[in-house]
């Protein structure tokens, strides 16, 4: 997908695109020094990372008081969802948890340059106090069973998890069901025919 084609997505306005372009420029500048994303994916940035994250925003809903992204890394999906929300849900507060101090510094640079409403917590997920978020998101962080353990303390009552998962997602679900009870909806990924976006609600220990 080209950069311009992203404007066809429901939530991507010209204003949002301007912020995404700032982000893309910073990512390309910083990546050689701290490896925010695999260098081989830079040429496919707009699909592989940006669109991949925008579809997480779409499943999270427009009116969200607090959104918590776990293991944000180079900003995916947390910063992208916040950039889109800046226009459509400006009162949303996004929390990005990223333990790598250099990556956290990059995230704060993007936040400052784009003017989005995001806080970065540079600690390990297990050490962060409960966030009480309506939505908890993550991408490529951990197997689902472990990921749910990370997410549960940060969910508000009635909160949901939105995770991007690859072709082995069903085996991860089966493993997680040994320790957890939850409602699960899956949606085909726009960027990978073998991947899904998971929407998990009513999460509790089995």
C-alpha atoms as a PDB file:
ATOM      1  CA  UNK A   1       0.000   0.000   0.000  1.00  0.00           C
ATOM      2  CA  UNK A   2       1.208   3.484  -0.841  1.00  0.00           C
ATOM      3  CA  UNK A   3       1.091   6.352   1.608  1.00  0.00           C
ATOM      4  CA  UNK A   4      -1.661   8.065  -0.398  1.00  0.00           C
ATOM      5  CA  UNK A   5      -3.797   4.913  -0.397  1.00  0.00           C
ATOM      6  CA  UNK A   6      -3.955   5.120   3.381  1.00  0.00           C
ATOM      7  CA  UNK A   7      -6.205   8.156   2.959  1.00  0.00           C
ATOM      8  CA  UNK A   8      -8.911   5.747   1.803  1.00  0.00           C
ATOM      9  CA  UNK A   9      -9.072   4.259   5.293  1.00  0.00           C
ATOM     10  CA  UNK A  10     -12.134   5.430   7.279  1.00  0.00           C
ATOM     11  CA  UNK A  11     -10.261   7.235  10.059  1.00  0.00           C
ATOM     12  CA  UNK A  12      -7.319   8.720   8.146  1.00  0.00           C
ATOM     13  CA  UNK A  13      -7.856  12.402   7.360  1.00  0.00           C
ATOM     14  CA  UNK A  14      -5.356  14.834   5.848  1.00  0.00           C
ATOM     15  CA  UNK A  15      -4.593  16.124   9.344  1.00  0.00           C
ATOM     16  CA  UNK A  16      -3.952  12.593  10.593  1.00  0.00           C
ATOM     17  CA  UNK A  17      -1.779  11.921   7.555  1.00  0.00           C
ATOM     18  CA  UNK A  18       0.363  14.957   8.367  1.00  0.00           C
ATOM     19  CA  UNK A  19       1.061  13.520  11.818  1.00  0.00           C
ATOM     20  CA  UNK A  20       1.812  10.103  10.334  1.00  0.00           C
ATOM     21  CA  UNK A  21       4.298  11.695   7.929  1.00  0.00           C
ATOM     22  CA  UNK A  22       6.092  13.359  10.857  1.00  0.00           C
ATOM     23  CA  UNK A  23       6.197   9.996  12.589  1.00  0.00           C
ATOM     24  CA  UNK A  24       7.522   8.239   9.474  1.00  0.00           C
ATOM     25  CA  UNK A  25      10.298  10.798   9.117  1.00  0.00           C
ATOM     26  CA  UNK A  26      11.375  10.411  12.738  1.00  0.00           C
ATOM     27  CA  UNK A  27      11.247   6.628  12.508  1.00  0.00           C
ATOM     28  CA  UNK A  28      13.482   6.579   9.433  1.00  0.00           C
ATOM     29  CA  UNK A  29      15.933   8.942  11.146  1.00  0.00           C
ATOM     30  CA  UNK A  30      16.130   7.074  14.467  1.00  0.00           C
ATOM     31  CA  UNK A  31      15.888   3.478  13.250  1.00  0.00           C
ATOM     32  CA  UNK A  32      19.543   2.953  12.253  1.00  0.00           C
ATOM     33  CA  UNK A  33      20.629   3.845  15.788  1.00  0.00           C
ATOM     34  CA  UNK A  34      18.128   1.962  17.947  1.00  0.00           C
ATOM     35  CA  UNK A  35      16.417  -0.566  15.645  1.00  0.00           C
ATOM     36  CA  UNK A  36      12.804   0.415  16.257  1.00  0.00           C
ATOM     37  CA  UNK A  37      11.598  -1.851  13.456  1.00  0.00           C
ATOM     38  CA  UNK A  38      13.345  -4.397  11.252  1.00  0.00           C
ATOM     39  CA  UNK A  39      15.250  -2.412   8.572  1.00  0.00           C
ATOM     40  CA  UNK A  40      13.743  -4.636   5.874  1.00  0.00           C
ATOM     41  CA  UNK A  41      10.255  -3.356   6.753  1.00  0.00           C
ATOM     42  CA  UNK A  42      10.979   0.370   6.390  1.00  0.00           C
ATOM     43  CA  UNK A  43      10.136   0.302   2.692  1.00  0.00           C
ATOM     44  CA  UNK A  44       6.719  -1.156   3.559  1.00  0.00           C
ATOM     45  CA  UNK A  45       6.176   1.101   6.568  1.00  0.00           C
ATOM     46  CA  UNK A  46       2.726   2.371   5.598  1.00  0.00           C
ATOM     47  CA  UNK A  47       1.227  -1.118   5.351  1.00  0.00           C
ATOM     48  CA  UNK A  48       3.371  -3.250   7.620  1.00  0.00           C
ATOM     49  CA  UNK A  49       3.287  -0.908  10.607  1.00  0.00           C
ATOM     50  CA  UNK A  50       0.865   1.993  10.070  1.00  0.00           C
ATOM     51  CA  UNK A  51      -2.165   0.238   8.553  1.00  0.00           C
ATOM     52  CA  UNK A  52      -1.528  -2.747  10.799  1.00  0.00           C
ATOM     53  CA  UNK A  53      -1.941  -0.443  13.800  1.00  0.00           C
ATOM     54  CA  UNK A  54      -4.850   1.575  12.415  1.00  0.00           C
ATOM     55  CA  UNK A  55      -6.972  -1.589  12.248  1.00  0.00           C
ATOM     56  CA  UNK A  56      -6.426  -1.956  16.003  1.00  0.00           C
ATOM     57  CA  UNK A  57      -7.877   1.533  16.491  1.00  0.00           C
ATOM     58  CA  UNK A  58     -10.906   0.553  14.433  1.00  0.00           C
ATOM     59  CA  UNK A  59     -11.702  -2.385  16.717  1.00  0.00           C
ATOM     60  CA  UNK A  60     -11.204  -0.351  19.887  1.00  0.00           C
ATOM     61  CA  UNK A  61     -14.061   2.043  19.301  1.00  0.00           C
ATOM     62  CA  UNK A  62     -14.075   5.802  18.959  1.00  0.00           C
ATOM     63  CA  UNK A  63     -14.967   6.976  22.472  1.00  0.00           C
ATOM     64  CA  UNK A  64     -12.393   5.571  24.870  1.00  0.00           C
ATOM     65  CA  UNK A  65     -11.373   7.390  28.058  1.00  0.00           C
ATOM     66  CA  UNK A  66      -8.063   5.595  28.555  1.00  0.00           C
ATOM     67  CA  UNK A  67      -6.168   3.303  26.199  1.00  0.00           C
ATOM     68  CA  UNK A  68      -3.111   1.393  27.435  1.00  0.00           C
ATOM     69  CA  UNK A  69      -0.594  -0.085  24.984  1.00  0.00           C
ATOM     70  CA  UNK A  70       1.794  -2.747  26.280  1.00  0.00           C
ATOM     71  CA  UNK A  71       5.366  -3.123  25.014  1.00  0.00           C
ATOM     72  CA  UNK A  72       4.949  -0.265  22.558  1.00  0.00           C
ATOM     73  CA  UNK A  73       8.454  -0.543  21.100  1.00  0.00           C
ATOM     74  CA  UNK A  74       8.714   1.761  18.105  1.00  0.00           C
ATOM     75  CA  UNK A  75       5.116   2.897  18.652  1.00  0.00           C
ATOM     76  CA  UNK A  76       2.956   0.105  17.291  1.00  0.00           C
ATOM     77  CA  UNK A  77       0.092   0.018  17.720  1.00  0.00           C
ATOM     78  CA  UNK A  78      -0.112   2.537  20.595  1.00  0.00           C
ATOM     79  CA  UNK A  79       1.193   5.734  19.016  1.00  0.00           C
ATOM     80  CA  UNK A  80      -0.666   5.136  15.765  1.00  0.00           C
ATOM     81  CA  UNK A  81      -3.972   4.647  17.595  1.00  0.00           C
ATOM     82  CA  UNK A  82      -3.273   7.878  19.497  1.00  0.00           C
ATOM     83  CA  UNK A  83      -2.498   9.802  16.316  1.00  0.00           C
ATOM     84  CA  UNK A  84      -5.802   8.704  14.786  1.00  0.00           C
ATOM     85  CA  UNK A  85      -7.655   9.433  18.036  1.00  0.00           C
ATOM     86  CA  UNK A  86      -6.290  12.977  18.195  1.00  0.00           C
ATOM     87  CA  UNK A  87      -8.911  14.026  15.648  1.00  0.00           C
ATOM     88  CA  UNK A  88     -11.718  11.533  16.280  1.00  0.00           C
ATOM     89  CA  UNK A  89     -11.498  11.166  20.061  1.00  0.00           C
ATOM     90  CA  UNK A  90      -9.422  14.122  21.330  1.00  0.00           C
ATOM     91  CA  UNK A  91     -10.232  13.538  25.016  1.00  0.00           C
ATOM     92  CA  UNK A  92      -8.732  10.061  24.945  1.00  0.00           C
ATOM     93  CA  UNK A  93      -5.665   9.484  27.110  1.00  0.00           C
ATOM     94  CA  UNK A  94      -3.199   6.927  25.771  1.00  0.00           C
ATOM     95  CA  UNK A  95      -0.586   5.257  27.980  1.00  0.00           C
ATOM     96  CA  UNK A  96       2.376   3.531  26.308  1.00  0.00           C
ATOM     97  CA  UNK A  97       4.382   1.139  28.462  1.00  0.00           C
ATOM     98  CA  UNK A  98       7.892   0.531  27.080  1.00  0.00           C
ATOM     99  CA  UNK A  99      10.772  -0.573  29.298  1.00  0.00           C
ATOM    100  CA  UNK A 100      13.566   0.221  26.813  1.00  0.00           C
ATOM    101  CA  UNK A 101      14.696   3.735  27.745  1.00  0.00           C
ATOM    102  CA  UNK A 102      15.959   4.571  24.239  1.00  0.00           C
ATOM    103  CA  UNK A 103      12.676   3.526  22.649  1.00  0.00           C
ATOM    104  CA  UNK A 104      10.767   5.458  25.300  1.00  0.00           C
ATOM    105  CA  UNK A 105      12.812   8.535  24.392  1.00  0.00           C
ATOM    106  CA  UNK A 106      11.884   8.053  20.732  1.00  0.00           C
ATOM    107  CA  UNK A 107       8.200   7.716  21.653  1.00  0.00           C
ATOM    108  CA  UNK A 108       8.316  10.962  23.620  1.00  0.00           C
ATOM    109  CA  UNK A 109       9.944  12.695  20.647  1.00  0.00           C
ATOM    110  CA  UNK A 110       7.115  11.595  18.344  1.00  0.00           C
ATOM    111  CA  UNK A 111       4.555  12.702  20.947  1.00  0.00           C
ATOM    112  CA  UNK A 112       6.138  16.145  21.183  1.00  0.00           C
ATOM    113  CA  UNK A 113       6.472  16.602  17.421  1.00  0.00           C
ATOM    114  CA  UNK A 114       2.922  15.456  16.625  1.00  0.00           C
ATOM    115  CA  UNK A 115       1.168  17.051  19.606  1.00  0.00           C
ATOM    116  CA  UNK A 116      -0.760  13.936  20.604  1.00  0.00           C
ATOM    117  CA  UNK A 117      -2.159  13.130  24.063  1.00  0.00           C
ATOM    118  CA  UNK A 118       0.091  10.270  25.191  1.00  0.00           C
ATOM    119  CA  UNK A 119       2.078   9.405  28.309  1.00  0.00           C
ATOM    120  CA  UNK A 120       5.045   7.011  28.239  1.00  0.00           C
ATOM    121  CA  UNK A 121       5.917   4.798  31.194  1.00  0.00           C
ATOM    122  CA  UNK A 122       9.479   3.475  30.867  1.00  0.00           C
ATOM    123  CA  UNK A 123       9.140   0.465  33.160  1.00  0.00           C
ATOM    124  CA  UNK A 124       8.584  -3.246  32.856  1.00  0.00           C
ATOM    125  CA  UNK A 125       4.889  -4.040  32.485  1.00  0.00           C
ATOM    126  CA  UNK A 126       4.840  -6.083  35.695  1.00  0.00           C
ATOM    127  CA  UNK A 127       6.126  -3.104  37.686  1.00  0.00           C
ATOM    128  CA  UNK A 128       3.555  -0.573  36.449  1.00  0.00           C
ATOM    129  CA  UNK A 129       0.658   0.290  38.753  1.00  0.00           C
ATOM    130  CA  UNK A 130      -2.827  -0.689  37.472  1.00  0.00           C
ATOM    131  CA  UNK A 131      -3.960   1.710  34.746  1.00  0.00           C
ATOM    132  CA  UNK A 132      -7.720   1.078  34.693  1.00  0.00           C
ATOM    133  CA  UNK A 133      -7.908   1.282  30.888  1.00  0.00           C
ATOM    134  CA  UNK A 134     -11.007   0.608  28.829  1.00  0.00           C
ATOM    135  CA  UNK A 135      -8.768  -0.802  26.080  1.00  0.00           C
ATOM    136  CA  UNK A 136      -5.450  -2.632  26.391  1.00  0.00           C
ATOM    137  CA  UNK A 137      -3.549  -3.320  23.166  1.00  0.00           C
ATOM    138  CA  UNK A 138      -0.345  -5.069  22.121  1.00  0.00           C
ATOM    139  CA  UNK A 139       1.442  -6.339  19.047  1.00  0.00           C
ATOM    140  CA  UNK A 140       4.131  -9.035  18.830  1.00  0.00           C
ATOM    141  CA  UNK A 141       4.743  -8.958  22.579  1.00  0.00           C
ATOM    142  CA  UNK A 142       4.115 -12.434  24.013  1.00  0.00           C
ATOM    143  CA  UNK A 143       2.024 -15.607  23.589  1.00  0.00           C
ATOM    144  CA  UNK A 144      -1.632 -14.990  24.414  1.00  0.00           C
ATOM    145  CA  UNK A 145      -1.612 -16.778  27.773  1.00  0.00           C
ATOM    146  CA  UNK A 146       1.228 -14.596  29.053  1.00  0.00           C
ATOM    147  CA  UNK A 147      -0.165 -11.522  27.339  1.00  0.00           C
ATOM    148  CA  UNK A 148      -3.462 -11.835  29.185  1.00  0.00           C
ATOM    149  CA  UNK A 149      -1.504 -11.960  32.442  1.00  0.00           C
ATOM    150  CA  UNK A 150       0.161  -8.679  31.495  1.00  0.00           C
ATOM    151  CA  UNK A 151      -3.124  -7.091  30.443  1.00  0.00           C
ATOM    152  CA  UNK A 152      -5.541  -8.067  33.207  1.00  0.00           C
ATOM    153  CA  UNK A 153      -4.146  -5.766  35.938  1.00  0.00           C
ATOM    154  CA  UNK A 154      -4.477  -2.753  33.632  1.00  0.00           C
ATOM    155  CA  UNK A 155      -8.072  -3.327  32.484  1.00  0.00           C
ATOM    156  CA  UNK A 156     -11.005  -1.390  33.869  1.00  0.00           C
ATOM    157  CA  UNK A 157     -14.209  -3.225  34.729  1.00  0.00           C
ATOM    158  CA  UNK A 158     -15.739  -4.169  31.399  1.00  0.00           C
ATOM    159  CA  UNK A 159     -12.539  -3.327  29.551  1.00  0.00           C
ATOM    160  CA  UNK A 160     -11.386  -5.120  26.410  1.00  0.00           C
ATOM    161  CA  UNK A 161      -8.095  -6.308  24.954  1.00  0.00           C
ATOM    162  CA  UNK A 162      -7.177  -5.872  21.309  1.00  0.00           C
ATOM    163  CA  UNK A 163      -4.229  -7.913  20.106  1.00  0.00           C
ATOM    164  CA  UNK A 164      -2.706  -8.547  16.706  1.00  0.00           C
ATOM    165  CA  UNK A 165      -1.892 -12.217  16.248  1.00  0.00           C
ATOM    166  CA  UNK A 166      -0.377 -14.294  13.446  1.00  0.00           C
ATOM    167  CA  UNK A 167      -1.256 -17.583  11.807  1.00  0.00           C
ATOM    168  CA  UNK A 168      -0.766 -19.666  14.997  1.00  0.00           C
ATOM    169  CA  UNK A 169      -3.370 -17.663  16.907  1.00  0.00           C
ATOM    170  CA  UNK A 170      -5.750 -20.601  17.394  1.00  0.00           C
ATOM    171  CA  UNK A 171      -3.150 -22.686  19.199  1.00  0.00           C
ATOM    172  CA  UNK A 172      -2.413 -19.675  21.423  1.00  0.00           C
ATOM    173  CA  UNK A 173      -6.131 -19.364  22.193  1.00  0.00           C
ATOM    174  CA  UNK A 174      -6.365 -23.055  23.090  1.00  0.00           C
ATOM    175  CA  UNK A 175      -3.391 -22.750  25.430  1.00  0.00           C
ATOM    176  CA  UNK A 176      -4.744 -19.584  27.044  1.00  0.00           C
ATOM    177  CA  UNK A 177      -8.132 -21.211  27.714  1.00  0.00           C
ATOM    178  CA  UNK A 178      -6.414 -23.575  30.140  1.00  0.00           C
ATOM    179  CA  UNK A 179      -5.852 -20.617  32.483  1.00  0.00           C
ATOM    180  CA  UNK A 180      -8.378 -17.968  31.418  1.00  0.00           C
ATOM    181  CA  UNK A 181     -12.027 -17.440  30.583  1.00  0.00           C
ATOM    182  CA  UNK A 182     -12.891 -14.772  28.013  1.00  0.00           C
ATOM    183  CA  UNK A 183     -15.133 -13.781  25.140  1.00  0.00           C
ATOM    184  CA  UNK A 184     -13.269 -13.687  21.834  1.00  0.00           C
ATOM    185  CA  UNK A 185     -14.057 -12.134  18.479  1.00  0.00           C
ATOM    186  CA  UNK A 186     -11.549 -12.288  15.635  1.00  0.00           C
ATOM    187  CA  UNK A 187     -11.337 -10.097  12.547  1.00  0.00           C
ATOM    188  CA  UNK A 188      -9.252 -10.784   9.428  1.00  0.00           C
ATOM    189  CA  UNK A 189      -6.098  -8.687   9.289  1.00  0.00           C
ATOM    190  CA  UNK A 190      -5.943  -6.089   6.529  1.00  0.00           C
ATOM    191  CA  UNK A 191      -2.198  -6.594   6.192  1.00  0.00           C
ATOM    192  CA  UNK A 192      -1.714 -10.362   6.472  1.00  0.00           C
ATOM    193  CA  UNK A 193      -4.199 -12.951   5.159  1.00  0.00           C
ATOM    194  CA  UNK A 194      -3.094 -15.429   7.843  1.00  0.00           C
ATOM    195  CA  UNK A 195      -3.321 -13.029  10.774  1.00  0.00           C
ATOM    196  CA  UNK A 196      -6.204 -11.710  12.871  1.00  0.00           C
ATOM    197  CA  UNK A 197      -7.142  -8.867  15.144  1.00  0.00           C
ATOM    198  CA  UNK A 198      -8.399 -10.293  18.438  1.00  0.00           C
ATOM    199  CA  UNK A 199     -11.021  -8.522  20.532  1.00  0.00           C
ATOM    200  CA  UNK A 200     -11.204 -10.053  24.005  1.00  0.00           C
ATOM    201  CA  UNK A 201     -13.730  -9.176  26.687  1.00  0.00           C
ATOM    202  CA  UNK A 202     -15.003 -10.443  30.034  1.00  0.00           C
ATOM    203  CA  UNK A 203     -11.516 -11.646  30.971  1.00  0.00           C
ATOM    204  CA  UNK A 204     -11.082 -13.648  34.180  1.00  0.00           C
ATOM    205  CA  UNK A 205      -8.894 -16.397  35.542  1.00  0.00           C
ATOM    206  CA  UNK A 206     -10.228 -19.897  34.876  1.00  0.00           C
END
